């Protein structure tokens, strides 16, 4: 019989740097789970991505057990890092970001995101990344 899900959580945590302090401790603590059952395995599994912002999906069950999976750095952060800008446009349909994303940068970001997507087709991932860039006011060369 399947376990009953109590909560589905989504948090952004730096790779290899989870601790019992907020936001991890306060979020997991309210569901009565042992936060160290998350912190230690998370830090061990993500030590190769130290300091990168990772999105973590956590499922907590009624018997106070949990499962989790770490997803890579969000696409918008990869785009901003590639362009070396602080933020995207507040009005992407009117005001564009000064720098443009090159085809090579687009391909590199798509290859990095391909492992998190439900496809292995890099061309399809490039279209998704380009859509995110457009929504940020970033033009593609």
N, C-alpha and C. Protein backbone atom coordinates (compact mmCIF):
# COMPACT_ATOMS: atom_id res chain seq x y z
N UNK A 1 0.85 -1.18 0.00
CA UNK A 1 0.00 0.00 0.00
C UNK A 1 0.89 1.24 0.00
N UNK A 2 0.52 2.21 -0.80
CA UNK A 2 1.31 3.44 -0.92
C UNK A 2 1.17 4.31 0.33
N UNK A 3 2.25 4.99 0.64
CA UNK A 3 2.21 5.91 1.78
C UNK A 3 1.39 7.13 1.41
N UNK A 4 0.73 7.70 2.41
CA UNK A 4 -0.06 8.90 2.17
C UNK A 4 0.84 10.13 2.28
N UNK A 5 0.76 10.98 1.28
CA UNK A 5 1.60 12.18 1.24
C UNK A 5 1.01 13.25 2.16
N UNK A 6 1.86 13.78 2.99
CA UNK A 6 1.44 14.85 3.91
C UNK A 6 1.75 16.23 3.32
N UNK A 7 2.90 16.36 2.61
CA UNK A 7 3.26 17.66 2.05
C UNK A 7 4.24 17.47 0.89
N UNK A 8 4.12 18.36 -0.08
CA UNK A 8 5.09 18.47 -1.17
C UNK A 8 5.72 19.84 -1.05
N UNK A 9 7.02 19.89 -0.85
CA UNK A 9 7.72 21.16 -0.65
C UNK A 9 8.71 21.39 -1.78
N UNK A 10 8.99 22.65 -2.00
CA UNK A 10 9.97 23.05 -3.00
C UNK A 10 10.79 24.17 -2.38
N UNK A 11 12.10 23.95 -2.25
CA UNK A 11 12.97 24.95 -1.63
C UNK A 11 14.20 25.18 -2.49
N UNK A 12 14.77 26.36 -2.37
CA UNK A 12 16.05 26.66 -3.02
C UNK A 12 17.11 26.65 -1.93
N UNK A 13 18.09 25.76 -2.13
CA UNK A 13 19.15 25.59 -1.15
C UNK A 13 20.48 25.56 -1.91
N UNK A 14 21.52 26.13 -1.33
CA UNK A 14 22.85 26.08 -1.95
C UNK A 14 23.42 24.67 -1.80
N UNK A 15 23.97 24.17 -2.88
CA UNK A 15 24.53 22.83 -2.89
C UNK A 15 25.61 22.65 -1.85
N UNK A 16 25.53 21.55 -1.08
CA UNK A 16 26.53 21.23 -0.08
C UNK A 16 26.50 22.11 1.15
N UNK A 17 25.50 23.00 1.27
CA UNK A 17 25.49 23.95 2.39
C UNK A 17 24.19 23.95 3.17
N UNK A 18 23.42 22.86 3.12
CA UNK A 18 22.19 22.80 3.90
C UNK A 18 22.54 22.68 5.38
N UNK A 19 21.75 23.30 6.23
CA UNK A 19 21.95 23.20 7.67
C UNK A 19 20.59 23.17 8.35
N UNK A 20 20.60 22.91 9.65
CA UNK A 20 19.35 22.85 10.40
C UNK A 20 18.76 24.23 10.65
N UNK A 21 19.47 25.26 10.26
CA UNK A 21 18.97 26.63 10.42
C UNK A 21 17.89 26.90 9.37
N UNK A 22 17.11 27.97 9.54
CA UNK A 22 16.12 28.31 8.51
C UNK A 22 16.80 28.53 7.17
N UNK A 23 16.16 28.23 6.07
CA UNK A 23 14.79 27.80 5.90
C UNK A 23 14.57 26.31 6.05
N UNK A 24 15.64 25.50 6.00
CA UNK A 24 15.47 24.04 6.04
C UNK A 24 14.86 23.59 7.37
N UNK A 25 15.46 24.00 8.46
CA UNK A 25 15.02 23.55 9.78
C UNK A 25 13.60 23.94 10.09
N UNK A 26 13.25 25.18 9.85
CA UNK A 26 11.89 25.64 10.19
C UNK A 26 10.85 25.00 9.28
N UNK A 27 11.19 24.78 8.03
CA UNK A 27 10.22 24.19 7.10
C UNK A 27 9.99 22.71 7.40
N UNK A 28 11.06 21.96 7.57
CA UNK A 28 10.91 20.53 7.86
C UNK A 28 10.40 20.28 9.27
N UNK A 29 10.81 21.13 10.21
CA UNK A 29 10.40 20.97 11.60
C UNK A 29 8.91 21.03 11.81
N UNK A 30 8.22 21.86 11.02
CA UNK A 30 6.77 21.98 11.21
C UNK A 30 6.02 20.70 10.80
N UNK A 31 6.69 19.81 10.06
CA UNK A 31 6.06 18.55 9.68
C UNK A 31 6.54 17.39 10.56
N UNK A 32 7.38 17.67 11.54
CA UNK A 32 7.81 16.68 12.51
C UNK A 32 8.82 15.67 11.99
N UNK A 33 9.51 16.00 10.91
CA UNK A 33 10.52 15.07 10.40
C UNK A 33 11.89 15.44 10.96
N UNK A 34 12.78 14.46 11.01
CA UNK A 34 14.13 14.70 11.49
C UNK A 34 14.90 15.40 10.38
N UNK A 35 15.23 16.66 10.58
CA UNK A 35 15.87 17.44 9.52
C UNK A 35 17.26 16.93 9.18
N UNK A 36 17.92 16.29 10.11
CA UNK A 36 19.26 15.76 9.83
C UNK A 36 19.20 14.57 8.87
N UNK A 37 18.03 13.92 8.78
CA UNK A 37 17.85 12.86 7.77
C UNK A 37 17.83 13.45 6.37
N UNK A 38 17.64 14.75 6.26
CA UNK A 38 17.71 15.43 4.97
C UNK A 38 19.06 16.13 4.79
N UNK A 39 19.49 16.86 5.81
CA UNK A 39 20.68 17.72 5.70
C UNK A 39 21.93 16.92 5.33
N UNK A 40 22.24 15.86 6.06
CA UNK A 40 23.48 15.11 5.81
C UNK A 40 23.50 14.46 4.43
N UNK A 41 22.44 13.72 4.03
CA UNK A 41 22.47 13.14 2.68
C UNK A 41 22.48 14.20 1.57
N UNK A 42 21.78 15.31 1.78
CA UNK A 42 21.77 16.37 0.78
C UNK A 42 23.17 16.95 0.59
N UNK A 43 23.83 17.28 1.69
CA UNK A 43 25.18 17.85 1.60
C UNK A 43 26.15 16.87 0.95
N UNK A 44 26.01 15.59 1.26
CA UNK A 44 26.90 14.58 0.68
C UNK A 44 26.65 14.45 -0.83
N UNK A 45 25.39 14.42 -1.22
CA UNK A 45 25.06 14.23 -2.64
C UNK A 45 25.38 15.45 -3.50
N UNK A 46 25.34 16.64 -2.92
CA UNK A 46 25.52 17.87 -3.70
C UNK A 46 26.86 18.56 -3.46
N UNK A 47 27.81 17.87 -2.84
CA UNK A 47 29.10 18.51 -2.56
C UNK A 47 29.85 18.88 -3.84
N UNK A 48 29.56 18.19 -4.96
CA UNK A 48 30.21 18.53 -6.22
C UNK A 48 29.62 19.80 -6.84
N UNK A 49 28.47 20.24 -6.34
CA UNK A 49 27.84 21.48 -6.83
C UNK A 49 27.82 22.53 -5.71
N UNK A 50 28.88 22.57 -4.93
CA UNK A 50 29.01 23.46 -3.77
C UNK A 50 28.73 24.91 -4.14
N UNK A 51 27.80 25.53 -3.40
CA UNK A 51 27.52 26.95 -3.56
C UNK A 51 26.51 27.28 -4.65
N UNK A 52 26.17 26.34 -5.53
CA UNK A 52 25.18 26.62 -6.57
C UNK A 52 23.78 26.57 -5.97
N UNK A 53 22.91 27.46 -6.41
CA UNK A 53 21.53 27.42 -5.98
C UNK A 53 20.85 26.23 -6.64
N UNK A 54 20.29 25.34 -5.84
CA UNK A 54 19.59 24.17 -6.35
C UNK A 54 18.15 24.20 -5.88
N UNK A 55 17.26 23.77 -6.72
CA UNK A 55 15.86 23.62 -6.32
C UNK A 55 15.70 22.19 -5.84
N UNK A 56 15.11 22.03 -4.66
CA UNK A 56 14.94 20.71 -4.07
C UNK A 56 13.45 20.45 -3.89
N UNK A 57 12.99 19.30 -4.41
CA UNK A 57 11.60 18.88 -4.27
C UNK A 57 11.57 17.82 -3.16
N UNK A 58 10.82 18.10 -2.09
CA UNK A 58 10.76 17.19 -0.95
C UNK A 58 9.32 16.72 -0.78
N UNK A 59 9.15 15.42 -0.65
CA UNK A 59 7.83 14.84 -0.37
C UNK A 59 7.86 14.26 1.04
N UNK A 60 6.96 14.73 1.89
CA UNK A 60 6.88 14.25 3.27
C UNK A 60 5.63 13.38 3.40
N UNK A 61 5.81 12.21 4.01
CA UNK A 61 4.70 11.26 4.16
C UNK A 61 4.16 11.30 5.58
N UNK A 62 2.97 10.70 5.78
CA UNK A 62 2.31 10.70 7.09
C UNK A 62 3.12 9.99 8.17
N UNK A 63 3.94 9.02 7.79
CA UNK A 63 4.74 8.32 8.79
C UNK A 63 6.04 9.06 9.12
N UNK A 64 6.11 10.33 8.72
CA UNK A 64 7.23 11.24 8.98
C UNK A 64 8.53 10.82 8.27
N UNK A 65 8.39 10.14 7.18
CA UNK A 65 9.54 9.86 6.33
C UNK A 65 9.47 10.82 5.15
N UNK A 66 10.54 10.88 4.38
CA UNK A 66 10.54 11.80 3.25
C UNK A 66 11.41 11.26 2.13
N UNK A 67 11.12 11.75 0.94
CA UNK A 67 11.97 11.52 -0.21
C UNK A 67 12.25 12.89 -0.80
N UNK A 68 13.37 13.01 -1.50
CA UNK A 68 13.71 14.31 -2.09
C UNK A 68 14.56 14.09 -3.33
N UNK A 69 14.55 15.12 -4.18
CA UNK A 69 15.43 15.12 -5.35
C UNK A 69 15.86 16.56 -5.61
N UNK A 70 17.13 16.68 -5.97
CA UNK A 70 17.70 18.01 -6.25
C UNK A 70 17.69 18.23 -7.76
N UNK A 71 17.21 19.40 -8.15
CA UNK A 71 17.18 19.80 -9.55
C UNK A 71 18.24 20.89 -9.70
N UNK A 72 18.84 20.99 -10.86
CA UNK A 72 19.93 21.94 -11.08
C UNK A 72 19.55 23.40 -10.89
N UNK A 73 20.50 24.25 -11.15
CA UNK A 73 20.34 25.69 -11.03
C UNK A 73 19.22 26.16 -11.96
N UNK A 74 18.34 27.06 -11.49
CA UNK A 74 17.27 27.56 -12.34
C UNK A 74 17.79 28.22 -13.62
N UNK A 75 17.04 28.09 -14.70
CA UNK A 75 17.43 28.60 -16.01
C UNK A 75 17.70 30.10 -15.98
N UNK A 76 16.85 30.85 -15.29
CA UNK A 76 17.04 32.31 -15.27
C UNK A 76 18.37 32.69 -14.62
N UNK A 77 18.79 31.96 -13.60
CA UNK A 77 20.07 32.26 -12.96
C UNK A 77 21.24 31.92 -13.88
N UNK A 78 21.11 30.85 -14.66
CA UNK A 78 22.16 30.51 -15.62
C UNK A 78 22.29 31.58 -16.71
N UNK A 79 21.15 32.11 -17.15
CA UNK A 79 21.16 33.17 -18.17
C UNK A 79 21.82 34.43 -17.62
N UNK A 80 21.43 34.83 -16.41
CA UNK A 80 22.00 36.03 -15.80
C UNK A 80 23.51 35.87 -15.59
N UNK A 81 23.93 34.68 -15.18
CA UNK A 81 25.36 34.44 -14.97
C UNK A 81 26.13 34.49 -16.29
N UNK A 82 25.54 33.95 -17.35
CA UNK A 82 26.21 33.95 -18.66
C UNK A 82 26.38 35.37 -19.18
N UNK A 83 25.39 36.22 -18.93
CA UNK A 83 25.44 37.60 -19.41
C UNK A 83 26.16 38.54 -18.44
N UNK A 84 26.40 38.06 -17.22
CA UNK A 84 27.02 38.87 -16.17
C UNK A 84 26.21 40.14 -15.88
N UNK A 85 24.89 39.95 -15.71
CA UNK A 85 23.99 41.04 -15.32
C UNK A 85 23.29 40.64 -14.04
N UNK A 86 22.75 41.63 -13.33
CA UNK A 86 22.11 41.37 -12.04
C UNK A 86 20.68 40.89 -12.15
N UNK A 87 19.93 41.41 -13.14
CA UNK A 87 18.54 41.03 -13.27
C UNK A 87 18.06 41.24 -14.70
N UNK A 88 16.92 40.64 -14.99
CA UNK A 88 16.31 40.80 -16.30
C UNK A 88 15.51 42.08 -16.36
N UNK A 89 14.79 42.27 -17.45
CA UNK A 89 13.99 43.48 -17.63
C UNK A 89 12.69 43.38 -16.86
N UNK A 90 12.26 44.50 -16.30
CA UNK A 90 10.97 44.55 -15.62
C UNK A 90 9.82 44.58 -16.60
N UNK A 91 10.08 45.06 -17.82
CA UNK A 91 9.09 45.11 -18.89
C UNK A 91 9.70 44.47 -20.14
N UNK A 92 9.74 43.13 -20.21
CA UNK A 92 10.45 42.47 -21.29
C UNK A 92 9.89 42.73 -22.68
N UNK A 93 8.62 43.09 -22.77
CA UNK A 93 8.05 43.37 -24.09
C UNK A 93 8.40 44.78 -24.58
N UNK A 94 8.87 45.65 -23.70
CA UNK A 94 9.21 47.02 -24.08
C UNK A 94 10.69 47.32 -23.92
N UNK A 95 11.25 46.97 -22.77
CA UNK A 95 12.64 47.28 -22.45
C UNK A 95 13.45 45.99 -22.48
N UNK A 96 14.52 45.99 -23.27
CA UNK A 96 15.37 44.81 -23.40
C UNK A 96 16.64 44.99 -22.58
N UNK A 97 17.23 43.87 -22.15
CA UNK A 97 18.51 43.88 -21.46
C UNK A 97 19.58 44.28 -22.46
N UNK A 98 20.56 45.05 -22.04
CA UNK A 98 21.59 45.57 -22.94
C UNK A 98 22.40 44.48 -23.63
N UNK A 99 22.72 43.40 -22.94
CA UNK A 99 23.54 42.33 -23.52
C UNK A 99 22.65 41.29 -24.18
N UNK A 100 23.18 40.65 -25.21
CA UNK A 100 22.46 39.60 -25.92
C UNK A 100 23.10 38.25 -25.63
N UNK A 101 22.28 37.22 -25.62
CA UNK A 101 22.74 35.86 -25.38
C UNK A 101 23.19 35.26 -26.71
N UNK A 102 24.44 34.81 -26.78
CA UNK A 102 24.96 34.25 -28.03
C UNK A 102 24.44 32.82 -28.22
N UNK A 103 24.54 32.33 -29.43
CA UNK A 103 24.13 30.97 -29.72
C UNK A 103 24.94 29.94 -28.93
N UNK A 104 26.22 30.22 -28.75
CA UNK A 104 27.09 29.32 -27.98
C UNK A 104 26.66 29.27 -26.51
N UNK A 105 26.36 30.45 -25.93
CA UNK A 105 25.90 30.50 -24.54
C UNK A 105 24.57 29.77 -24.40
N UNK A 106 23.68 29.94 -25.37
CA UNK A 106 22.38 29.27 -25.36
C UNK A 106 22.58 27.76 -25.36
N UNK A 107 23.48 27.26 -26.19
CA UNK A 107 23.74 25.83 -26.26
C UNK A 107 24.34 25.31 -24.95
N UNK A 108 25.27 26.05 -24.36
CA UNK A 108 25.88 25.63 -23.09
C UNK A 108 24.84 25.54 -21.98
N UNK A 109 23.95 26.53 -21.90
CA UNK A 109 22.90 26.51 -20.88
C UNK A 109 21.95 25.35 -21.13
N UNK A 110 21.59 25.12 -22.38
CA UNK A 110 20.68 24.02 -22.73
C UNK A 110 21.29 22.67 -22.36
N UNK A 111 22.57 22.50 -22.59
CA UNK A 111 23.23 21.24 -22.24
C UNK A 111 23.27 21.04 -20.73
N UNK A 112 23.45 22.13 -19.98
CA UNK A 112 23.45 22.03 -18.52
C UNK A 112 22.05 21.69 -18.00
N UNK A 113 21.01 22.22 -18.65
CA UNK A 113 19.64 21.99 -18.21
C UNK A 113 19.06 20.66 -18.71
N UNK A 114 19.66 20.06 -19.74
CA UNK A 114 19.10 18.85 -20.36
C UNK A 114 18.96 17.71 -19.35
N UNK A 115 19.88 17.62 -18.39
CA UNK A 115 19.80 16.53 -17.41
C UNK A 115 18.60 16.68 -16.47
N UNK A 116 18.07 17.90 -16.31
CA UNK A 116 16.91 18.12 -15.44
C UNK A 116 15.58 18.05 -16.19
N UNK A 117 15.64 18.10 -17.50
CA UNK A 117 14.41 18.13 -18.30
C UNK A 117 13.94 16.71 -18.61
N UNK A 118 12.72 16.64 -19.13
CA UNK A 118 12.16 15.34 -19.47
C UNK A 118 12.45 14.97 -20.92
N UNK A 119 13.48 15.54 -21.50
CA UNK A 119 13.90 15.22 -22.85
C UNK A 119 15.42 15.23 -22.92
N UNK A 120 15.95 14.50 -23.85
CA UNK A 120 17.39 14.50 -24.08
C UNK A 120 17.73 15.27 -25.36
N UNK A 121 16.70 15.82 -26.02
CA UNK A 121 16.87 16.57 -27.25
C UNK A 121 17.31 17.99 -26.91
N UNK A 122 18.60 18.29 -27.15
CA UNK A 122 19.16 19.59 -26.79
C UNK A 122 18.48 20.72 -27.57
N UNK A 123 18.04 20.46 -28.79
CA UNK A 123 17.37 21.49 -29.58
C UNK A 123 16.05 21.91 -28.91
N UNK A 124 15.33 20.96 -28.35
CA UNK A 124 14.09 21.27 -27.65
C UNK A 124 14.38 22.07 -26.38
N UNK A 125 15.44 21.70 -25.67
CA UNK A 125 15.81 22.42 -24.45
C UNK A 125 16.26 23.84 -24.81
N UNK A 126 16.95 24.00 -25.95
CA UNK A 126 17.37 25.34 -26.39
C UNK A 126 16.14 26.24 -26.60
N UNK A 127 15.06 25.68 -27.13
CA UNK A 127 13.83 26.47 -27.32
C UNK A 127 13.24 26.89 -25.98
N UNK A 128 13.29 26.00 -24.99
CA UNK A 128 12.79 26.34 -23.66
C UNK A 128 13.64 27.44 -23.02
N UNK A 129 14.95 27.32 -23.15
CA UNK A 129 15.87 28.33 -22.58
C UNK A 129 15.66 29.66 -23.29
N UNK A 130 15.49 29.64 -24.62
CA UNK A 130 15.26 30.87 -25.37
C UNK A 130 13.95 31.54 -24.93
N UNK A 131 12.93 30.74 -24.64
CA UNK A 131 11.67 31.29 -24.14
C UNK A 131 11.84 31.96 -22.80
N UNK A 132 12.62 31.35 -21.91
CA UNK A 132 12.89 31.96 -20.62
C UNK A 132 13.65 33.27 -20.80
N UNK A 133 14.62 33.26 -21.71
CA UNK A 133 15.40 34.48 -21.98
C UNK A 133 14.50 35.60 -22.49
N UNK A 134 13.61 35.29 -23.42
CA UNK A 134 12.68 36.30 -23.95
C UNK A 134 11.80 36.87 -22.85
N UNK A 135 11.36 36.02 -21.93
CA UNK A 135 10.50 36.50 -20.84
C UNK A 135 11.25 37.39 -19.85
N UNK A 136 12.60 37.35 -19.94
CA UNK A 136 13.43 38.21 -19.10
C UNK A 136 13.87 39.47 -19.84
N UNK A 137 13.49 39.59 -21.10
CA UNK A 137 13.91 40.74 -21.89
C UNK A 137 15.28 40.59 -22.50
N UNK A 138 15.75 39.34 -22.62
CA UNK A 138 17.06 39.05 -23.20
C UNK A 138 16.86 38.61 -24.65
N UNK A 139 17.60 39.22 -25.55
CA UNK A 139 17.51 38.84 -26.96
C UNK A 139 18.59 37.81 -27.28
N UNK A 140 18.30 36.95 -28.26
CA UNK A 140 19.23 35.91 -28.68
C UNK A 140 19.89 36.35 -29.98
N UNK A 141 21.23 36.20 -30.08
CA UNK A 141 21.94 36.58 -31.31
C UNK A 141 21.79 35.51 -32.35
